[in-house]
Amino acid sequence: MQAGKPDKVNSTINVTPLVDVVLVLLIIFMVMAPQLVGGQKVDLPVTEKPPEKPEDGKQIMVSIEPGGKFWIDEDEVPAGNFQAGMQQAAAERGDWKVVIKGDASLEYGTVKQAMLAVQSAGFKNVGLITERYEDVKTGS
């Protein structure tokens, strides 16, 4: 630095801190993404080629656990109040799709009764969630 002369302005961007922040955010999202799957943990039935489910965010997840516990999204609902719970959901979100996530050990009649309750509540789009055979075979 010489006396009397102003310093040049350094206008370059230091990208190292930016890359560090982006990598930390990437790791956080990679760790949290599997935990964002909705509904309760159940052992899903296995099929060869399950249909793809839309990821538009306008769906209600109904989970049925092996003991007969019903869940509407994250709220546990007694089996006797399931119909009323679905009617309340239909009043709030009637145009949404309902997906049923039933445990593989459940009897067919339990899942069928849940489907009938969902349809009688007024929902037109009802689907079942299953696991793909290849995913079970590879352990993913």
N, C-alpha and C. Protein backbone atom coordinates (compact mmCIF):
# COMPACT_ATOMS: atom_id res chain seq x y z
N MET A 1 0.84 -1.17 0.00
CA MET A 1 0.00 0.00 0.00
C MET A 1 0.89 1.23 0.00
N GLN A 2 0.58 2.09 -0.92
CA GLN A 2 1.35 3.33 -0.99
C GLN A 2 0.54 4.45 -0.37
N ALA A 3 1.27 5.39 0.18
CA ALA A 3 0.60 6.52 0.82
C ALA A 3 -0.01 7.40 -0.25
N GLY A 4 -1.25 7.79 -0.02
CA GLY A 4 -1.91 8.70 -0.93
C GLY A 4 -2.74 8.02 -2.00
N LYS A 5 -2.52 6.75 -2.30
CA LYS A 5 -3.31 6.05 -3.31
C LYS A 5 -4.38 5.20 -2.64
N PRO A 6 -5.65 5.26 -3.11
CA PRO A 6 -6.69 4.42 -2.52
C PRO A 6 -6.51 2.94 -2.94
N ASP A 7 -6.93 2.02 -2.07
CA ASP A 7 -6.87 0.59 -2.39
C ASP A 7 -7.91 0.25 -3.43
N LYS A 8 -7.60 -0.78 -4.22
CA LYS A 8 -8.59 -1.28 -5.18
C LYS A 8 -9.66 -2.04 -4.41
N VAL A 9 -10.89 -1.93 -4.87
CA VAL A 9 -11.99 -2.65 -4.26
C VAL A 9 -11.98 -4.08 -4.78
N ASN A 10 -12.03 -5.06 -3.87
CA ASN A 10 -12.06 -6.46 -4.24
C ASN A 10 -13.52 -6.89 -4.32
N SER A 11 -14.02 -7.10 -5.52
CA SER A 11 -15.44 -7.40 -5.69
C SER A 11 -15.69 -8.87 -6.03
N THR A 12 -14.79 -9.74 -5.67
CA THR A 12 -15.02 -11.16 -5.92
C THR A 12 -15.81 -11.77 -4.77
N ILE A 13 -16.57 -12.79 -5.09
CA ILE A 13 -17.38 -13.46 -4.09
C ILE A 13 -16.63 -14.69 -3.61
N ASN A 14 -16.58 -14.85 -2.31
CA ASN A 14 -15.96 -16.04 -1.73
C ASN A 14 -17.04 -17.12 -1.66
N VAL A 15 -16.95 -18.13 -2.51
CA VAL A 15 -17.99 -19.14 -2.61
C VAL A 15 -17.83 -20.29 -1.61
N THR A 16 -16.72 -20.36 -0.93
CA THR A 16 -16.50 -21.47 0.00
C THR A 16 -17.56 -21.52 1.10
N PRO A 17 -17.90 -20.41 1.77
CA PRO A 17 -18.96 -20.50 2.78
C PRO A 17 -20.32 -20.86 2.17
N LEU A 18 -20.57 -20.40 0.96
CA LEU A 18 -21.83 -20.73 0.29
C LEU A 18 -21.92 -22.23 0.02
N VAL A 19 -20.85 -22.83 -0.46
CA VAL A 19 -20.83 -24.27 -0.72
C VAL A 19 -21.00 -25.03 0.59
N ASP A 20 -20.36 -24.58 1.65
CA ASP A 20 -20.50 -25.23 2.95
C ASP A 20 -21.95 -25.23 3.42
N VAL A 21 -22.62 -24.11 3.30
CA VAL A 21 -24.01 -24.00 3.73
C VAL A 21 -24.90 -24.90 2.87
N VAL A 22 -24.68 -24.91 1.57
CA VAL A 22 -25.49 -25.73 0.68
C VAL A 22 -25.30 -27.21 0.99
N LEU A 23 -24.09 -27.65 1.26
CA LEU A 23 -23.85 -29.05 1.59
C LEU A 23 -24.49 -29.43 2.92
N VAL A 24 -24.45 -28.55 3.90
CA VAL A 24 -25.11 -28.83 5.18
C VAL A 24 -26.62 -28.95 4.97
N LEU A 25 -27.21 -28.05 4.19
CA LEU A 25 -28.65 -28.13 3.91
C LEU A 25 -28.99 -29.41 3.17
N LEU A 26 -28.15 -29.81 2.23
CA LEU A 26 -28.38 -31.05 1.49
C LEU A 26 -28.40 -32.25 2.44
N ILE A 27 -27.45 -32.29 3.36
CA ILE A 27 -27.40 -33.39 4.32
C ILE A 27 -28.63 -33.39 5.21
N ILE A 28 -29.06 -32.22 5.65
CA ILE A 28 -30.26 -32.12 6.49
C ILE A 28 -31.47 -32.65 5.75
N PHE A 29 -31.65 -32.26 4.48
CA PHE A 29 -32.80 -32.73 3.71
C PHE A 29 -32.72 -34.22 3.44
N MET A 30 -31.53 -34.75 3.22
CA MET A 30 -31.39 -36.18 2.98
C MET A 30 -31.74 -36.99 4.23
N VAL A 31 -31.43 -36.46 5.38
CA VAL A 31 -31.75 -37.16 6.63
C VAL A 31 -33.25 -37.05 6.94
N MET A 32 -33.85 -35.90 6.67
CA MET A 32 -35.24 -35.67 7.04
C MET A 32 -36.24 -36.22 6.03
N ALA A 33 -35.88 -36.38 4.77
CA ALA A 33 -36.84 -36.79 3.74
C ALA A 33 -37.54 -38.11 4.05
N PRO A 34 -36.84 -39.15 4.50
CA PRO A 34 -37.57 -40.40 4.80
C PRO A 34 -38.55 -40.25 5.96
N GLN A 35 -38.34 -39.29 6.84
CA GLN A 35 -39.21 -39.12 7.99
C GLN A 35 -40.47 -38.32 7.64
N LEU A 36 -40.52 -37.75 6.45
CA LEU A 36 -41.65 -36.93 6.06
C LEU A 36 -42.79 -37.74 5.43
N VAL A 37 -42.61 -39.04 5.30
CA VAL A 37 -43.66 -39.89 4.75
C VAL A 37 -44.80 -39.93 5.75
N GLY A 38 -46.01 -39.67 5.26
CA GLY A 38 -47.16 -39.56 6.15
C GLY A 38 -47.70 -40.89 6.61
N GLY A 39 -48.56 -40.82 7.61
CA GLY A 39 -49.23 -42.01 8.11
C GLY A 39 -48.41 -42.76 9.13
N GLN A 40 -49.01 -43.79 9.66
CA GLN A 40 -48.37 -44.62 10.67
C GLN A 40 -47.56 -45.71 10.00
N LYS A 41 -46.62 -46.28 10.75
CA LYS A 41 -45.78 -47.36 10.24
C LYS A 41 -46.55 -48.66 10.24
N VAL A 42 -46.76 -49.22 9.05
CA VAL A 42 -47.42 -50.52 8.90
C VAL A 42 -46.65 -51.34 7.87
N ASP A 43 -46.77 -52.66 7.96
CA ASP A 43 -46.19 -53.55 6.95
C ASP A 43 -47.15 -53.62 5.77
N LEU A 44 -46.74 -53.05 4.66
CA LEU A 44 -47.62 -52.97 3.50
C LEU A 44 -47.67 -54.28 2.73
N PRO A 45 -48.80 -54.55 2.07
CA PRO A 45 -48.85 -55.72 1.18
C PRO A 45 -47.89 -55.52 0.00
N VAL A 46 -47.41 -56.61 -0.55
CA VAL A 46 -46.44 -56.55 -1.64
C VAL A 46 -47.14 -56.92 -2.94
N THR A 47 -46.91 -56.12 -3.99
CA THR A 47 -47.47 -56.40 -5.31
C THR A 47 -46.37 -56.25 -6.35
N GLU A 48 -46.60 -56.81 -7.53
CA GLU A 48 -45.62 -56.73 -8.60
C GLU A 48 -45.45 -55.31 -9.11
N LYS A 49 -46.57 -54.65 -9.41
CA LYS A 49 -46.48 -53.34 -10.03
C LYS A 49 -47.58 -52.43 -9.48
N PRO A 50 -47.35 -51.83 -8.29
CA PRO A 50 -48.37 -50.94 -7.75
C PRO A 50 -48.47 -49.67 -8.58
N PRO A 51 -49.66 -49.09 -8.67
CA PRO A 51 -49.80 -47.84 -9.43
C PRO A 51 -49.08 -46.71 -8.71
N GLU A 52 -48.58 -45.78 -9.49
CA GLU A 52 -47.90 -44.62 -8.92
C GLU A 52 -48.92 -43.70 -8.26
N LYS A 53 -48.57 -43.16 -7.11
CA LYS A 53 -49.49 -42.25 -6.44
C LYS A 53 -49.10 -40.81 -6.76
N PRO A 54 -50.06 -39.94 -6.94
CA PRO A 54 -49.74 -38.54 -7.23
C PRO A 54 -49.16 -37.87 -6.00
N GLU A 55 -48.24 -36.97 -6.21
CA GLU A 55 -47.61 -36.25 -5.11
C GLU A 55 -48.01 -34.79 -5.16
N ASP A 56 -49.31 -34.53 -5.31
CA ASP A 56 -49.75 -33.14 -5.39
C ASP A 56 -50.05 -32.54 -4.02
N GLY A 57 -49.92 -33.32 -2.97
CA GLY A 57 -50.15 -32.81 -1.62
C GLY A 57 -51.61 -32.75 -1.22
N LYS A 58 -52.52 -33.09 -2.12
CA LYS A 58 -53.95 -33.04 -1.81
C LYS A 58 -54.47 -34.45 -1.58
N GLN A 59 -53.94 -35.09 -0.55
CA GLN A 59 -54.41 -36.42 -0.23
C GLN A 59 -54.49 -36.60 1.28
N ILE A 60 -55.44 -37.42 1.67
CA ILE A 60 -55.64 -37.75 3.07
C ILE A 60 -55.15 -39.18 3.26
N MET A 61 -54.27 -39.37 4.23
CA MET A 61 -53.70 -40.69 4.50
C MET A 61 -54.49 -41.37 5.61
N VAL A 62 -55.10 -42.50 5.29
CA VAL A 62 -55.79 -43.32 6.28
C VAL A 62 -54.91 -44.53 6.54
N SER A 63 -54.47 -44.70 7.79
CA SER A 63 -53.62 -45.84 8.16
C SER A 63 -54.42 -46.77 9.06
N ILE A 64 -54.25 -48.08 8.82
CA ILE A 64 -54.91 -49.08 9.65
C ILE A 64 -53.82 -50.00 10.19
N GLU A 65 -53.65 -50.00 11.51
CA GLU A 65 -52.62 -50.82 12.14
C GLU A 65 -53.16 -52.23 12.38
N PRO A 66 -52.27 -53.19 12.66
CA PRO A 66 -52.70 -54.58 12.85
C PRO A 66 -53.74 -54.75 13.95
N GLY A 67 -53.69 -53.99 15.01
CA GLY A 67 -54.65 -54.12 16.09
C GLY A 67 -56.01 -53.52 15.79
N GLY A 68 -56.17 -52.94 14.62
CA GLY A 68 -57.44 -52.33 14.24
C GLY A 68 -57.51 -50.85 14.56
N LYS A 69 -56.35 -50.23 14.90
CA LYS A 69 -56.33 -48.79 15.15
C LYS A 69 -56.44 -48.06 13.81
N PHE A 70 -57.27 -47.04 13.77
CA PHE A 70 -57.44 -46.23 12.57
C PHE A 70 -56.79 -44.87 12.80
N TRP A 71 -56.16 -44.36 11.76
CA TRP A 71 -55.55 -43.04 11.80
C TRP A 71 -56.02 -42.28 10.56
N ILE A 72 -56.40 -41.03 10.76
CA ILE A 72 -56.67 -40.12 9.65
C ILE A 72 -55.59 -39.08 9.70
N ASP A 73 -54.71 -39.11 8.73
CA ASP A 73 -53.47 -38.34 8.72
C ASP A 73 -52.69 -38.68 9.99
N GLU A 74 -52.51 -37.75 10.89
CA GLU A 74 -51.74 -38.00 12.11
C GLU A 74 -52.62 -38.16 13.34
N ASP A 75 -53.94 -38.21 13.16
CA ASP A 75 -54.87 -38.28 14.28
C ASP A 75 -55.42 -39.70 14.42
N GLU A 76 -55.25 -40.28 15.63
CA GLU A 76 -55.83 -41.59 15.88
C GLU A 76 -57.32 -41.44 16.09
N VAL A 77 -58.09 -42.33 15.45
CA VAL A 77 -59.55 -42.29 15.51
C VAL A 77 -60.05 -43.66 15.96
N PRO A 78 -60.90 -43.71 17.00
CA PRO A 78 -61.46 -45.01 17.38
C PRO A 78 -62.26 -45.61 16.22
N ALA A 79 -62.27 -46.94 16.14
CA ALA A 79 -62.94 -47.62 15.03
C ALA A 79 -64.41 -47.21 14.93
N GLY A 80 -65.05 -46.99 16.06
CA GLY A 80 -66.46 -46.60 16.06
C GLY A 80 -66.71 -45.20 15.53
N ASN A 81 -65.69 -44.35 15.59
CA ASN A 81 -65.83 -42.96 15.13
C ASN A 81 -65.17 -42.72 13.78
N PHE A 82 -64.72 -43.79 13.13
CA PHE A 82 -64.01 -43.61 11.85
C PHE A 82 -64.90 -42.99 10.79
N GLN A 83 -66.13 -43.47 10.69
CA GLN A 83 -67.08 -42.92 9.70
C GLN A 83 -67.29 -41.42 9.92
N ALA A 84 -67.51 -41.04 11.19
CA ALA A 84 -67.72 -39.62 11.51
C ALA A 84 -66.47 -38.80 11.21
N GLY A 85 -65.30 -39.37 11.48
CA GLY A 85 -64.06 -38.67 11.18
C GLY A 85 -63.88 -38.45 9.69
N MET A 86 -64.26 -39.43 8.89
CA MET A 86 -64.16 -39.29 7.44
C MET A 86 -65.18 -38.28 6.91
N GLN A 87 -66.37 -38.24 7.51
CA GLN A 87 -67.36 -37.25 7.10
C GLN A 87 -66.89 -35.84 7.43
N GLN A 88 -66.24 -35.68 8.56
CA GLN A 88 -65.69 -34.37 8.92
C GLN A 88 -64.58 -33.99 7.94
N ALA A 89 -63.72 -34.94 7.59
CA ALA A 89 -62.66 -34.67 6.61
C ALA A 89 -63.25 -34.32 5.25
N ALA A 90 -64.35 -34.99 4.88
CA ALA A 90 -64.99 -34.70 3.60
C ALA A 90 -65.57 -33.29 3.59
N ALA A 91 -66.09 -32.84 4.73
CA ALA A 91 -66.64 -31.49 4.80
C ALA A 91 -65.53 -30.44 4.63
N GLU A 92 -64.34 -30.75 5.13
CA GLU A 92 -63.22 -29.81 5.06
C GLU A 92 -62.45 -29.92 3.75
N ARG A 93 -62.27 -31.16 3.27
CA ARG A 93 -61.40 -31.40 2.10
C ARG A 93 -62.04 -32.41 1.16
N GLY A 94 -63.24 -32.15 0.71
CA GLY A 94 -64.01 -33.11 -0.07
C GLY A 94 -63.43 -33.47 -1.42
N ASP A 95 -62.64 -32.59 -2.03
CA ASP A 95 -62.11 -32.86 -3.36
C ASP A 95 -60.74 -33.54 -3.32
N TRP A 96 -60.25 -33.86 -2.15
CA TRP A 96 -58.94 -34.49 -2.01
C TRP A 96 -59.04 -35.99 -2.28
N LYS A 97 -57.91 -36.61 -2.53
CA LYS A 97 -57.84 -38.06 -2.73
C LYS A 97 -57.53 -38.71 -1.38
N VAL A 98 -58.11 -39.87 -1.15
CA VAL A 98 -57.86 -40.63 0.08
C VAL A 98 -57.04 -41.86 -0.29
N VAL A 99 -55.94 -42.08 0.42
CA VAL A 99 -55.15 -43.29 0.23
C VAL A 99 -55.16 -44.07 1.53
N ILE A 100 -55.40 -45.37 1.41
CA ILE A 100 -55.49 -46.24 2.58
C ILE A 100 -54.21 -47.05 2.65
N LYS A 101 -53.59 -46.97 3.82
CA LYS A 101 -52.33 -47.67 4.09
C LYS A 101 -52.63 -48.72 5.14
N GLY A 102 -53.03 -49.91 4.69
CA GLY A 102 -53.42 -50.98 5.60
C GLY A 102 -52.31 -51.99 5.78
N ASP A 103 -52.14 -52.48 6.99
CA ASP A 103 -51.12 -53.47 7.28
C ASP A 103 -51.42 -54.76 6.52
N ALA A 104 -50.37 -55.46 6.10
CA ALA A 104 -50.53 -56.68 5.31
C ALA A 104 -51.19 -57.80 6.11
N SER A 105 -51.11 -57.75 7.43
CA SER A 105 -51.68 -58.82 8.25
C SER A 105 -53.18 -58.63 8.52
N LEU A 106 -53.75 -57.51 8.08
CA LEU A 106 -55.17 -57.26 8.31
C LEU A 106 -56.04 -58.18 7.45
N GLU A 107 -57.21 -58.46 7.95
CA GLU A 107 -58.18 -59.21 7.15
C GLU A 107 -58.72 -58.31 6.05
N TYR A 108 -59.10 -58.93 4.97
CA TYR A 108 -59.64 -58.20 3.83
C TYR A 108 -60.86 -57.37 4.23
N GLY A 109 -61.70 -57.93 5.08
CA GLY A 109 -62.93 -57.24 5.49
C GLY A 109 -62.68 -55.93 6.21
N THR A 110 -61.60 -55.85 6.99
CA THR A 110 -61.28 -54.62 7.71
C THR A 110 -60.95 -53.50 6.74
N VAL A 111 -60.13 -53.82 5.75
CA VAL A 111 -59.75 -52.80 4.76
C VAL A 111 -60.95 -52.43 3.90
N LYS A 112 -61.76 -53.42 3.54
CA LYS A 112 -62.95 -53.16 2.72
C LYS A 112 -63.93 -52.26 3.46
N GLN A 113 -64.13 -52.49 4.76
CA GLN A 113 -65.02 -51.63 5.55
C GLN A 113 -64.50 -50.20 5.59
N ALA A 114 -63.17 -50.05 5.70
CA ALA A 114 -62.59 -48.70 5.69
C ALA A 114 -62.83 -48.03 4.34
N MET A 115 -62.68 -48.79 3.25
CA MET A 115 -62.93 -48.22 1.92
C MET A 115 -64.39 -47.80 1.77
N LEU A 116 -65.29 -48.62 2.24
CA LEU A 116 -66.72 -48.27 2.16
C LEU A 116 -67.04 -47.03 2.99
N ALA A 117 -66.42 -46.91 4.17
CA ALA A 117 -66.64 -45.73 5.01
C ALA A 117 -66.12 -44.47 4.33
N VAL A 118 -64.98 -44.59 3.66
CA VAL A 118 -64.40 -43.44 2.95
C VAL A 118 -65.30 -43.04 1.80
N GLN A 119 -65.78 -44.03 1.03
CA GLN A 119 -66.63 -43.71 -0.11
C GLN A 119 -67.98 -43.17 0.33
N SER A 120 -68.54 -43.71 1.40
CA SER A 120 -69.84 -43.20 1.85
C SER A 120 -69.73 -41.82 2.48
N ALA A 121 -68.52 -41.43 2.89
CA ALA A 121 -68.32 -40.08 3.41
C ALA A 121 -68.34 -39.04 2.28
N GLY A 122 -68.22 -39.51 1.04
CA GLY A 122 -68.32 -38.60 -0.09
C GLY A 122 -67.06 -38.48 -0.93
N PHE A 123 -66.02 -39.22 -0.60
CA PHE A 123 -64.79 -39.16 -1.39
C PHE A 123 -64.93 -40.04 -2.62
N LYS A 124 -64.54 -39.51 -3.76
CA LYS A 124 -64.64 -40.24 -5.02
C LYS A 124 -63.34 -40.98 -5.35
N ASN A 125 -62.21 -40.40 -4.97
CA ASN A 125 -60.91 -40.99 -5.30
C ASN A 125 -60.33 -41.68 -4.07
N VAL A 126 -60.35 -43.02 -4.08
CA VAL A 126 -59.82 -43.80 -2.98
C VAL A 126 -58.81 -44.78 -3.55
N GLY A 127 -57.63 -44.84 -2.92
CA GLY A 127 -56.60 -45.75 -3.39
C GLY A 127 -55.98 -46.52 -2.24
N LEU A 128 -55.27 -47.60 -2.59
CA LEU A 128 -54.56 -48.41 -1.62
C LEU A 128 -53.06 -48.25 -1.84
N ILE A 129 -52.30 -48.20 -0.76
CA ILE A 129 -50.85 -48.13 -0.86
C ILE A 129 -50.28 -49.53 -0.66
N THR A 130 -49.40 -49.94 -1.57
CA THR A 130 -48.71 -51.22 -1.45
C THR A 130 -47.23 -51.00 -1.66
N GLU A 131 -46.43 -52.02 -1.39
CA GLU A 131 -45.00 -51.97 -1.65
C GLU A 131 -44.69 -52.72 -2.92
N ARG A 132 -43.71 -52.23 -3.66
CA ARG A 132 -43.28 -52.90 -4.88
C ARG A 132 -42.42 -54.12 -4.50
N TYR A 133 -42.63 -55.22 -5.19
CA TYR A 133 -41.92 -56.47 -4.90
C TYR A 133 -40.41 -56.28 -4.97
N GLU A 134 -39.91 -55.52 -5.96
CA GLU A 134 -38.48 -55.30 -6.12
C GLU A 134 -37.90 -54.56 -4.92
N ASP A 135 -38.66 -53.61 -4.36
CA ASP A 135 -38.18 -52.85 -3.20
C ASP A 135 -38.03 -53.75 -1.99
N VAL A 136 -38.94 -54.70 -1.81
CA VAL A 136 -38.87 -55.62 -0.68
C VAL A 136 -37.72 -56.58 -0.88
N LYS A 137 -37.53 -57.04 -2.12
CA LYS A 137 -36.48 -58.00 -2.42
C LYS A 137 -35.09 -57.40 -2.20
N THR A 138 -34.92 -56.10 -2.57
CA THR A 138 -33.62 -55.46 -2.42
C THR A 138 -33.43 -54.85 -1.04
N GLY A 139 -34.49 -54.78 -0.27
CA GLY A 139 -34.38 -54.26 1.09
C GLY A 139 -34.41 -52.75 1.18
N SER A 140 -34.87 -52.05 0.14
CA SER A 140 -34.92 -50.59 0.20
C SER A 140 -36.23 -50.09 0.70
